[in-house]
Protein backbone atom coordinates (compact mmCIF):
# COMPACT_ATOMS: atom_id res chain seq x y z
CA LYS A 1 0.00 0.00 0.00
CA THR A 2 2.81 2.36 0.87
CA ASP A 3 4.55 1.75 -2.46
CA PHE A 4 1.38 2.62 -4.33
CA ILE A 5 0.86 5.83 -2.35
CA ASN A 6 4.48 6.83 -3.01
CA PHE A 7 4.01 6.00 -6.69
CA VAL A 8 1.08 8.42 -6.87
CA ASN A 9 2.50 11.14 -4.62
CA ASP A 10 5.90 11.18 -6.36
CA GLN A 11 4.12 11.25 -9.74
CA GLU A 12 6.11 8.27 -11.00
CA TRP A 13 3.08 7.35 -13.09
CA LYS A 14 3.96 10.15 -15.53
CA SER A 15 7.03 8.25 -16.72
CA ILE A 16 5.03 5.15 -17.73
CA GLU A 17 3.96 4.81 -21.36
CA PRO A 18 0.21 4.37 -21.89
CA VAL A 19 -1.08 1.05 -23.16
CA SER A 20 -1.42 0.88 -26.92
CA SER A 21 -4.99 0.95 -28.19
CA TRP A 22 -4.33 -2.46 -29.72
CA PHE A 23 -3.88 -3.94 -26.24
CA GLY A 24 -6.49 -1.78 -24.49
CA PRO A 25 -9.30 -3.52 -22.59
CA SER A 26 -11.94 -2.58 -25.18
CA SER A 27 -9.89 -3.48 -28.27
CA LEU A 28 -10.91 -6.23 -30.67
CA LEU A 29 -7.93 -8.35 -29.63
CA MET A 30 -8.72 -8.22 -25.91
CA SER A 31 -12.45 -8.69 -26.50
CA SER A 32 -11.66 -11.81 -28.53
CA MET A 33 -9.35 -13.12 -25.80
CA SER A 34 -12.08 -12.53 -23.23
CA ALA A 35 -14.62 -14.39 -25.36
CA LEU A 36 -12.24 -17.35 -25.74
CA PHE A 37 -11.65 -17.42 -21.99
CA GLN A 38 -15.40 -17.38 -21.33
CA LEU A 39 -15.88 -20.20 -23.84
CA SER A 40 -13.19 -22.28 -22.15
CA MET A 41 -14.85 -21.74 -18.77
CA TRP A 42 -18.22 -22.76 -20.22
CA ILE A 43 -16.66 -25.92 -21.66
CA ARG A 44 -15.02 -26.69 -18.31
CA HIS A 45 -18.33 -26.28 -16.45
CA GLY A 46 -20.09 -28.36 -19.09
CA HIS A 47 -17.52 -31.12 -18.71
CA GLY A 48 -17.96 -31.04 -14.93
CA TYR A 49 -21.73 -31.20 -15.27
CA LEU A 50 -21.59 -34.15 -17.65
CA THR A 51 -19.12 -36.15 -15.56
CA GLU A 52 -20.19 -35.26 -12.01
CA ASN A 53 -23.94 -34.66 -12.24
CA LEU A 54 -24.93 -36.99 -15.06
CA GLY A 55 -22.29 -39.65 -14.37
CA ILE A 56 -21.01 -39.78 -17.94
CA PRO A 57 -17.45 -41.12 -18.11
CA VAL A 58 -14.69 -38.66 -19.01
CA TRP A 59 -14.22 -40.19 -22.46
CA GLY A 60 -17.97 -39.75 -23.04
CA SER A 61 -17.73 -36.07 -22.22
CA TYR A 62 -14.82 -35.73 -24.64
CA ALA A 63 -16.88 -37.47 -27.30
CA VAL A 64 -19.82 -35.10 -26.73
CA PHE A 65 -17.61 -32.02 -27.09
CA GLY A 66 -15.79 -33.54 -30.06
CA LEU A 67 -19.07 -34.19 -31.86
CA ALA A 68 -20.35 -30.72 -30.96
CA THR A 69 -17.18 -29.23 -32.46
CA LEU A 70 -17.56 -31.33 -35.60
CA PHE A 71 -21.21 -30.45 -36.12
CA SER A 72 -20.73 -26.75 -35.39
CA GLY A 73 -17.95 -26.70 -38.00
CA LEU A 74 -20.23 -28.41 -40.50
CA ILE A 75 -23.05 -25.95 -39.83
CA LEU A 76 -20.72 -22.94 -40.10
CA GLY A 77 -19.37 -24.33 -43.37
CA LEU A 78 -22.87 -24.79 -44.77
CA VAL A 79 -23.93 -21.30 -43.71
CA SER A 80 -20.83 -19.70 -45.18
CA GLU A 81 -21.31 -21.62 -48.43
CA ALA A 82 -24.98 -20.66 -48.65
CA PHE A 83 -24.39 -16.94 -48.04
CA GLY A 84 -20.87 -16.63 -49.48
């Protein structure tokens, strides 16, 4: 806490370069990273639900997510072909 107060009082913050807009919290790059992190957390919770609550074996959960990935890729391919 003391270091932070000294940092502010001594105005050391003026010597620090601002973050580039490319790496800013609202940039496309950081928004995409946030979305990927949220997706990974959703997959983790889904895996836990399938294995712990429903009693599906771990390999079964992997198979469910593998098939979901396959079918979502097929659907995205069909949609892009139909509208592209």
